[in-house]
């Protein structure tokens, strides 16, 4: 099992926020940048398009709720289209704008939203209530990489992480037992990967499932020697 975990991290061990150059340990604007990126990742769209689109927002200086509200819907659509995010440009622009406006009106910042939440599940509910279209997947993406940084960031693993974890034998539990899956993953991390942050393990599982398990590309998978999938 140690070899499985170490090889997984060697092949896929990079968080999605790191890929975008976002340093969540700095808090503040960096956390909002990741929230914006999570809103983009939440749609069924290619990861490379999300990266390009996020970089376009960054290039235009659209990296704070104040700046986004000031820019308005039309400029958000322009940024989305320039990044190739054309399938969902209109509704995503509306979602981002609504979320930023409500965040400013009711909390002022994501940190305040976190502080007033009573527990991890309340935190998730408050994030989802920021705008129509923010669901479990988006909130899970956002909070997954804040685990260990935000005290109340404790999301359950998503479907992709569970798929990869089951294929590698890191858990025997299914999607309906997310709490047990999380416990199994934390145990594997404590035993074999304490030198890396836990979100790195989660991100590695998501990347593996996204790029190989979900697509049925078993023959090309760099983890195929460890896979227990029939």
C-alpha atoms as a PDB file:
ATOM      1  CA  UNK A   1       0.000   0.000   0.000  1.00  0.00           C
ATOM      2  CA  UNK A   2       2.880   2.359   0.712  1.00  0.00           C
ATOM      3  CA  UNK A   3       4.166   1.801  -2.816  1.00  0.00           C
ATOM      4  CA  UNK A   4       0.711   2.502  -4.276  1.00  0.00           C
ATOM      5  CA  UNK A   5       0.376   5.806  -2.431  1.00  0.00           C
ATOM      6  CA  UNK A   6       3.907   6.967  -3.182  1.00  0.00           C
ATOM      7  CA  UNK A   7       3.627   6.102  -6.874  1.00  0.00           C
ATOM      8  CA  UNK A   8       0.263   7.864  -7.088  1.00  0.00           C
ATOM      9  CA  UNK A   9       1.772  11.015  -5.604  1.00  0.00           C
ATOM     10  CA  UNK A  10       4.815  10.795  -7.841  1.00  0.00           C
ATOM     11  CA  UNK A  11       2.631  10.608 -10.947  1.00  0.00           C
ATOM     12  CA  UNK A  12      -0.226  12.943 -10.043  1.00  0.00           C
ATOM     13  CA  UNK A  13       0.791  14.772  -6.847  1.00  0.00           C
ATOM     14  CA  UNK A  14      -0.059  18.374  -7.585  1.00  0.00           C
ATOM     15  CA  UNK A  15      -3.112  20.279  -6.422  1.00  0.00           C
ATOM     16  CA  UNK A  16      -5.270  22.144  -8.914  1.00  0.00           C
ATOM     17  CA  UNK A  17      -4.659  25.461  -7.151  1.00  0.00           C
ATOM     18  CA  UNK A  18      -0.900  24.928  -7.450  1.00  0.00           C
ATOM     19  CA  UNK A  19      -1.316  24.311 -11.162  1.00  0.00           C
ATOM     20  CA  UNK A  20      -2.891  27.759 -11.448  1.00  0.00           C
ATOM     21  CA  UNK A  21      -0.164  29.434  -9.383  1.00  0.00           C
ATOM     22  CA  UNK A  22      -2.497  30.082  -6.442  1.00  0.00           C
ATOM     23  CA  UNK A  23      -0.970  29.953  -2.945  1.00  0.00           C
ATOM     24  CA  UNK A  24      -3.846  29.224  -0.578  1.00  0.00           C
ATOM     25  CA  UNK A  25      -1.635  29.500   2.490  1.00  0.00           C
ATOM     26  CA  UNK A  26      -1.567  33.279   1.940  1.00  0.00           C
ATOM     27  CA  UNK A  27      -5.341  33.548   2.367  1.00  0.00           C
ATOM     28  CA  UNK A  28      -7.239  36.657   1.277  1.00  0.00           C
ATOM     29  CA  UNK A  29      -7.244  37.235  -2.465  1.00  0.00           C
ATOM     30  CA  UNK A  30      -5.575  33.882  -3.108  1.00  0.00           C
ATOM     31  CA  UNK A  31      -8.557  32.085  -1.557  1.00  0.00           C
ATOM     32  CA  UNK A  32     -10.958  34.119  -3.680  1.00  0.00           C
ATOM     33  CA  UNK A  33      -8.928  33.275  -6.782  1.00  0.00           C
ATOM     34  CA  UNK A  34      -9.383  29.601  -5.975  1.00  0.00           C
ATOM     35  CA  UNK A  35     -13.102  30.147  -5.402  1.00  0.00           C
ATOM     36  CA  UNK A  36     -13.340  31.706  -8.867  1.00  0.00           C
ATOM     37  CA  UNK A  37     -11.402  28.798 -10.362  1.00  0.00           C
ATOM     38  CA  UNK A  38     -13.675  26.337  -8.549  1.00  0.00           C
ATOM     39  CA  UNK A  39     -16.726  27.970 -10.124  1.00  0.00           C
ATOM     40  CA  UNK A  40     -15.096  27.334 -13.506  1.00  0.00           C
ATOM     41  CA  UNK A  41     -14.111  23.753 -12.662  1.00  0.00           C
ATOM     42  CA  UNK A  42     -17.646  23.011 -11.473  1.00  0.00           C
ATOM     43  CA  UNK A  43     -19.052  22.748 -15.014  1.00  0.00           C
ATOM     44  CA  UNK A  44     -18.567  19.721 -17.252  1.00  0.00           C
ATOM     45  CA  UNK A  45     -15.803  21.255 -19.289  1.00  0.00           C
ATOM     46  CA  UNK A  46     -12.195  20.338 -20.030  1.00  0.00           C
ATOM     47  CA  UNK A  47      -9.520  21.132 -17.468  1.00  0.00           C
ATOM     48  CA  UNK A  48      -7.312  22.847 -20.044  1.00  0.00           C
ATOM     49  CA  UNK A  49     -10.166  25.218 -20.912  1.00  0.00           C
ATOM     50  CA  UNK A  50     -10.626  26.036 -17.233  1.00  0.00           C
ATOM     51  CA  UNK A  51      -6.926  26.865 -16.910  1.00  0.00           C
ATOM     52  CA  UNK A  52      -6.989  29.133 -19.970  1.00  0.00           C
ATOM     53  CA  UNK A  53     -10.155  30.853 -18.817  1.00  0.00           C
ATOM     54  CA  UNK A  54      -8.872  31.425 -15.303  1.00  0.00           C
ATOM     55  CA  UNK A  55      -5.663  32.911 -16.731  1.00  0.00           C
ATOM     56  CA  UNK A  56      -7.796  35.240 -18.855  1.00  0.00           C
ATOM     57  CA  UNK A  57      -9.628  36.446 -15.744  1.00  0.00           C
ATOM     58  CA  UNK A  58      -6.267  36.964 -14.072  1.00  0.00           C
ATOM     59  CA  UNK A  59      -4.910  38.873 -17.075  1.00  0.00           C
ATOM     60  CA  UNK A  60      -7.892  41.227 -16.925  1.00  0.00           C
ATOM     61  CA  UNK A  61      -7.492  41.752 -13.180  1.00  0.00           C
ATOM     62  CA  UNK A  62     -10.790  40.008 -12.399  1.00  0.00           C
ATOM     63  CA  UNK A  63      -9.484  38.381  -9.229  1.00  0.00           C
ATOM     64  CA  UNK A  64     -11.554  39.997  -6.479  1.00  0.00           C
ATOM     65  CA  UNK A  65     -15.320  40.152  -5.890  1.00  0.00           C
ATOM     66  CA  UNK A  66     -15.198  43.954  -6.017  1.00  0.00           C
ATOM     67  CA  UNK A  67     -13.451  43.980  -9.389  1.00  0.00           C
ATOM     68  CA  UNK A  68     -15.823  41.402 -10.835  1.00  0.00           C
ATOM     69  CA  UNK A  69     -18.923  43.298  -9.754  1.00  0.00           C
ATOM     70  CA  UNK A  70     -17.409  46.501 -11.120  1.00  0.00           C
ATOM     71  CA  UNK A  71     -16.629  44.821 -14.460  1.00  0.00           C
ATOM     72  CA  UNK A  72     -20.179  43.560 -14.966  1.00  0.00           C
ATOM     73  CA  UNK A  73     -21.782  40.720 -16.883  1.00  0.00           C
ATOM     74  CA  UNK A  74     -20.641  41.684 -20.400  1.00  0.00           C
ATOM     75  CA  UNK A  75     -16.937  41.711 -19.512  1.00  0.00           C
ATOM     76  CA  UNK A  76     -17.291  38.382 -17.710  1.00  0.00           C
ATOM     77  CA  UNK A  77     -18.779  36.847 -20.858  1.00  0.00           C
ATOM     78  CA  UNK A  78     -15.907  38.307 -22.896  1.00  0.00           C
ATOM     79  CA  UNK A  79     -13.367  36.763 -20.522  1.00  0.00           C
ATOM     80  CA  UNK A  80     -15.114  33.397 -20.601  1.00  0.00           C
ATOM     81  CA  UNK A  81     -15.277  33.390 -24.389  1.00  0.00           C
ATOM     82  CA  UNK A  82     -11.632  34.432 -24.701  1.00  0.00           C
ATOM     83  CA  UNK A  83     -10.649  31.435 -22.579  1.00  0.00           C
ATOM     84  CA  UNK A  84     -12.728  29.054 -24.685  1.00  0.00           C
ATOM     85  CA  UNK A  85     -15.447  28.645 -22.067  1.00  0.00           C
ATOM     86  CA  UNK A  86     -18.157  29.212 -24.664  1.00  0.00           C
ATOM     87  CA  UNK A  87     -20.584  26.373 -23.885  1.00  0.00           C
ATOM     88  CA  UNK A  88     -21.533  27.812 -20.516  1.00  0.00           C
ATOM     89  CA  UNK A  89     -20.514  31.446 -20.918  1.00  0.00           C
ATOM     90  CA  UNK A  90     -23.829  33.197 -20.229  1.00  0.00           C
ATOM     91  CA  UNK A  91     -24.968  31.194 -17.210  1.00  0.00           C
ATOM     92  CA  UNK A  92     -21.451  31.024 -15.766  1.00  0.00           C
ATOM     93  CA  UNK A  93     -21.089  34.805 -16.030  1.00  0.00           C
ATOM     94  CA  UNK A  94     -24.404  35.176 -14.201  1.00  0.00           C
ATOM     95  CA  UNK A  95     -23.351  32.692 -11.531  1.00  0.00           C
ATOM     96  CA  UNK A  96     -20.000  34.378 -10.909  1.00  0.00           C
ATOM     97  CA  UNK A  97     -21.535  37.855 -10.802  1.00  0.00           C
ATOM     98  CA  UNK A  98     -24.381  36.818  -8.489  1.00  0.00           C
ATOM     99  CA  UNK A  99     -22.003  34.973  -6.148  1.00  0.00           C
ATOM    100  CA  UNK A 100     -19.663  37.951  -5.879  1.00  0.00           C
ATOM    101  CA  UNK A 101     -22.486  40.404  -5.261  1.00  0.00           C
ATOM    102  CA  UNK A 102     -24.073  38.258  -2.547  1.00  0.00           C
ATOM    103  CA  UNK A 103     -20.684  37.581  -0.978  1.00  0.00           C
ATOM    104  CA  UNK A 104     -20.023  41.319  -0.684  1.00  0.00           C
ATOM    105  CA  UNK A 105     -23.551  42.137   0.481  1.00  0.00           C
ATOM    106  CA  UNK A 106     -23.853  39.461   3.161  1.00  0.00           C
ATOM    107  CA  UNK A 107     -20.297  38.692   4.302  1.00  0.00           C
ATOM    108  CA  UNK A 108     -17.723  40.987   2.757  1.00  0.00           C
ATOM    109  CA  UNK A 109     -15.255  38.157   2.237  1.00  0.00           C
ATOM    110  CA  UNK A 110     -14.949  34.391   2.066  1.00  0.00           C
ATOM    111  CA  UNK A 111     -13.053  34.394   5.357  1.00  0.00           C
ATOM    112  CA  UNK A 112     -16.005  36.003   7.135  1.00  0.00           C
ATOM    113  CA  UNK A 113     -18.348  33.466   5.534  1.00  0.00           C
ATOM    114  CA  UNK A 114     -16.150  30.709   6.954  1.00  0.00           C
ATOM    115  CA  UNK A 115     -15.988  32.288  10.396  1.00  0.00           C
ATOM    116  CA  UNK A 116     -19.763  32.665  10.779  1.00  0.00           C
ATOM    117  CA  UNK A 117     -20.488  29.098   9.637  1.00  0.00           C
ATOM    118  CA  UNK A 118     -21.329  26.861  12.581  1.00  0.00           C
ATOM    119  CA  UNK A 119     -19.688  23.702  11.236  1.00  0.00           C
ATOM    120  CA  UNK A 120     -18.397  22.117   7.991  1.00  0.00           C
ATOM    121  CA  UNK A 121     -21.866  21.306   6.646  1.00  0.00           C
ATOM    122  CA  UNK A 122     -23.131  24.831   7.388  1.00  0.00           C
ATOM    123  CA  UNK A 123     -20.087  26.199   5.578  1.00  0.00           C
ATOM    124  CA  UNK A 124     -21.034  24.140   2.536  1.00  0.00           C
ATOM    125  CA  UNK A 125     -24.640  25.334   2.673  1.00  0.00           C
ATOM    126  CA  UNK A 126     -23.589  28.978   2.857  1.00  0.00           C
ATOM    127  CA  UNK A 127     -21.269  28.607  -0.131  1.00  0.00           C
ATOM    128  CA  UNK A 128     -23.988  26.930  -2.194  1.00  0.00           C
ATOM    129  CA  UNK A 129     -26.450  29.685  -1.304  1.00  0.00           C
ATOM    130  CA  UNK A 130     -24.243  32.375  -2.868  1.00  0.00           C
ATOM    131  CA  UNK A 131     -25.675  31.749  -6.332  1.00  0.00           C
ATOM    132  CA  UNK A 132     -27.884  29.436  -8.326  1.00  0.00           C
ATOM    133  CA  UNK A 133     -25.789  26.725  -9.926  1.00  0.00           C
ATOM    134  CA  UNK A 134     -23.238  26.345  -7.127  1.00  0.00           C
ATOM    135  CA  UNK A 135     -23.662  22.708  -6.154  1.00  0.00           C
ATOM    136  CA  UNK A 136     -21.943  19.984  -4.206  1.00  0.00           C
ATOM    137  CA  UNK A 137     -19.306  19.410  -6.884  1.00  0.00           C
ATOM    138  CA  UNK A 138     -18.164  23.040  -6.974  1.00  0.00           C
ATOM    139  CA  UNK A 139     -18.122  23.378  -3.196  1.00  0.00           C
ATOM    140  CA  UNK A 140     -16.250  20.094  -2.876  1.00  0.00           C
ATOM    141  CA  UNK A 141     -13.590  21.270  -5.333  1.00  0.00           C
ATOM    142  CA  UNK A 142     -13.174  24.551  -3.477  1.00  0.00           C
ATOM    143  CA  UNK A 143     -13.031  23.160   0.056  1.00  0.00           C
ATOM    144  CA  UNK A 144     -10.955  20.103  -0.805  1.00  0.00           C
ATOM    145  CA  UNK A 145      -7.817  22.189  -1.252  1.00  0.00           C
ATOM    146  CA  UNK A 146      -8.555  24.358   1.777  1.00  0.00           C
ATOM    147  CA  UNK A 147      -8.543  21.350   4.070  1.00  0.00           C
ATOM    148  CA  UNK A 148      -5.924  22.019   6.725  1.00  0.00           C
ATOM    149  CA  UNK A 149      -6.056  25.775   6.023  1.00  0.00           C
ATOM    150  CA  UNK A 150      -9.666  26.511   6.904  1.00  0.00           C
ATOM    151  CA  UNK A 151     -10.733  24.870  10.159  1.00  0.00           C
ATOM    152  CA  UNK A 152     -14.224  24.028   8.853  1.00  0.00           C
ATOM    153  CA  UNK A 153     -13.127  22.845   5.406  1.00  0.00           C
ATOM    154  CA  UNK A 154     -13.924  19.139   5.717  1.00  0.00           C
ATOM    155  CA  UNK A 155     -15.722  18.055   2.521  1.00  0.00           C
ATOM    156  CA  UNK A 156     -16.479  14.453   1.697  1.00  0.00           C
ATOM    157  CA  UNK A 157     -14.603  12.915  -1.257  1.00  0.00           C
ATOM    158  CA  UNK A 158     -16.257  13.353  -4.630  1.00  0.00           C
ATOM    159  CA  UNK A 159     -17.208  10.661  -7.113  1.00  0.00           C
ATOM    160  CA  UNK A 160     -13.916  10.799  -9.024  1.00  0.00           C
ATOM    161  CA  UNK A 161     -11.751  10.469  -5.926  1.00  0.00           C
ATOM    162  CA  UNK A 162     -13.870   7.551  -4.697  1.00  0.00           C
ATOM    163  CA  UNK A 163     -13.633   5.822  -8.080  1.00  0.00           C
ATOM    164  CA  UNK A 164      -9.829   6.017  -8.133  1.00  0.00           C
ATOM    165  CA  UNK A 165      -9.505   5.087  -4.452  1.00  0.00           C
ATOM    166  CA  UNK A 166     -11.591   1.947  -4.970  1.00  0.00           C
ATOM    167  CA  UNK A 167      -9.634   0.969  -8.070  1.00  0.00           C
ATOM    168  CA  UNK A 168      -6.359   1.252  -6.144  1.00  0.00           C
ATOM    169  CA  UNK A 169      -7.689  -0.603  -3.108  1.00  0.00           C
ATOM    170  CA  UNK A 170      -7.406   2.413  -0.816  1.00  0.00           C
ATOM    171  CA  UNK A 171     -11.017   1.877   0.230  1.00  0.00           C
ATOM    172  CA  UNK A 172     -13.685  -0.763  -0.174  1.00  0.00           C
ATOM    173  CA  UNK A 173     -16.512   1.667   0.458  1.00  0.00           C
ATOM    174  CA  UNK A 174     -18.714   3.200  -2.219  1.00  0.00           C
ATOM    175  CA  UNK A 175     -20.186   6.619  -3.077  1.00  0.00           C
ATOM    176  CA  UNK A 176     -22.953   6.184  -0.495  1.00  0.00           C
ATOM    177  CA  UNK A 177     -20.385   5.832   2.293  1.00  0.00           C
ATOM    178  CA  UNK A 178     -18.381   9.007   1.772  1.00  0.00           C
ATOM    179  CA  UNK A 179     -17.550   9.446   5.445  1.00  0.00           C
ATOM    180  CA  UNK A 180     -16.003   5.987   5.582  1.00  0.00           C
ATOM    181  CA  UNK A 181     -14.089   6.636   2.359  1.00  0.00           C
ATOM    182  CA  UNK A 182     -12.686   9.831   3.868  1.00  0.00           C
ATOM    183  CA  UNK A 183     -11.598   7.897   6.944  1.00  0.00           C
ATOM    184  CA  UNK A 184      -9.809   5.299   4.808  1.00  0.00           C
ATOM    185  CA  UNK A 185      -8.008   7.967   2.789  1.00  0.00           C
ATOM    186  CA  UNK A 186      -6.903   9.825   5.898  1.00  0.00           C
ATOM    187  CA  UNK A 187      -5.562   6.598   7.353  1.00  0.00           C
ATOM    188  CA  UNK A 188      -3.571   5.880   4.177  1.00  0.00           C
ATOM    189  CA  UNK A 189      -2.252   9.437   4.223  1.00  0.00           C
ATOM    190  CA  UNK A 190      -1.223   9.232   7.896  1.00  0.00           C
ATOM    191  CA  UNK A 191       0.657   5.981   7.300  1.00  0.00           C
ATOM    192  CA  UNK A 192       2.304   6.641   3.972  1.00  0.00           C
ATOM    193  CA  UNK A 193       2.203  10.299   2.934  1.00  0.00           C
ATOM    194  CA  UNK A 194       2.431  12.567   5.955  1.00  0.00           C
ATOM    195  CA  UNK A 195       5.258  14.477   4.262  1.00  0.00           C
ATOM    196  CA  UNK A 196       2.696  15.886   1.786  1.00  0.00           C
ATOM    197  CA  UNK A 197      -0.530  17.792   2.548  1.00  0.00           C
ATOM    198  CA  UNK A 198      -3.639  15.611   2.480  1.00  0.00           C
ATOM    199  CA  UNK A 199      -5.236  17.643  -0.380  1.00  0.00           C
ATOM    200  CA  UNK A 200      -2.380  16.504  -2.625  1.00  0.00           C
ATOM    201  CA  UNK A 201      -3.530  12.904  -2.202  1.00  0.00           C
ATOM    202  CA  UNK A 202      -7.132  13.880  -2.938  1.00  0.00           C
ATOM    203  CA  UNK A 203      -6.123  15.848  -6.033  1.00  0.00           C
ATOM    204  CA  UNK A 204      -4.001  12.931  -7.266  1.00  0.00           C
ATOM    205  CA  UNK A 205      -6.985  10.590  -7.035  1.00  0.00           C
ATOM    206  CA  UNK A 206      -9.181  13.065  -8.914  1.00  0.00           C
ATOM    207  CA  UNK A 207      -6.596  13.444 -11.690  1.00  0.00           C
ATOM    208  CA  UNK A 208      -6.201   9.678 -12.014  1.00  0.00           C
ATOM    209  CA  UNK A 209      -9.950   9.102 -12.282  1.00  0.00           C
ATOM    210  CA  UNK A 210     -10.534  12.064 -14.590  1.00  0.00           C
ATOM    211  CA  UNK A 211      -7.805  11.197 -17.062  1.00  0.00           C
ATOM    212  CA  UNK A 212      -7.886   7.381 -16.983  1.00  0.00           C
ATOM    213  CA  UNK A 213     -10.525   5.576 -14.875  1.00  0.00           C
ATOM    214  CA  UNK A 214     -13.525   7.535 -16.117  1.00  0.00           C
ATOM    215  CA  UNK A 215     -12.384   7.291 -19.729  1.00  0.00           C
ATOM    216  CA  UNK A 216     -11.634   3.583 -19.552  1.00  0.00           C
ATOM    217  CA  UNK A 217      -8.010   4.213 -20.593  1.00  0.00           C
ATOM    218  CA  UNK A 218      -6.736   1.353 -18.461  1.00  0.00           C
ATOM    219  CA  UNK A 219      -4.062   0.273 -20.938  1.00  0.00           C
ATOM    220  CA  UNK A 220      -2.422   3.699 -20.845  1.00  0.00           C
ATOM    221  CA  UNK A 221      -2.782   4.270 -17.105  1.00  0.00           C
ATOM    222  CA  UNK A 222       0.517   4.732 -15.232  1.00  0.00           C
ATOM    223  CA  UNK A 223      -1.106   3.110 -12.182  1.00  0.00           C
ATOM    224  CA  UNK A 224      -2.369   0.020 -14.018  1.00  0.00           C
ATOM    225  CA  UNK A 225       0.050  -2.291 -12.196  1.00  0.00           C
ATOM    226  CA  UNK A 226      -1.716  -1.448  -8.921  1.00  0.00           C
ATOM    227  CA  UNK A 227      -5.301  -1.373 -10.162  1.00  0.00           C
ATOM    228  CA  UNK A 228      -7.815  -3.797  -8.671  1.00  0.00           C
ATOM    229  CA  UNK A 229     -10.546  -2.948 -11.175  1.00  0.00           C
ATOM    230  CA  UNK A 230     -11.846  -6.137 -12.868  1.00  0.00           C
END
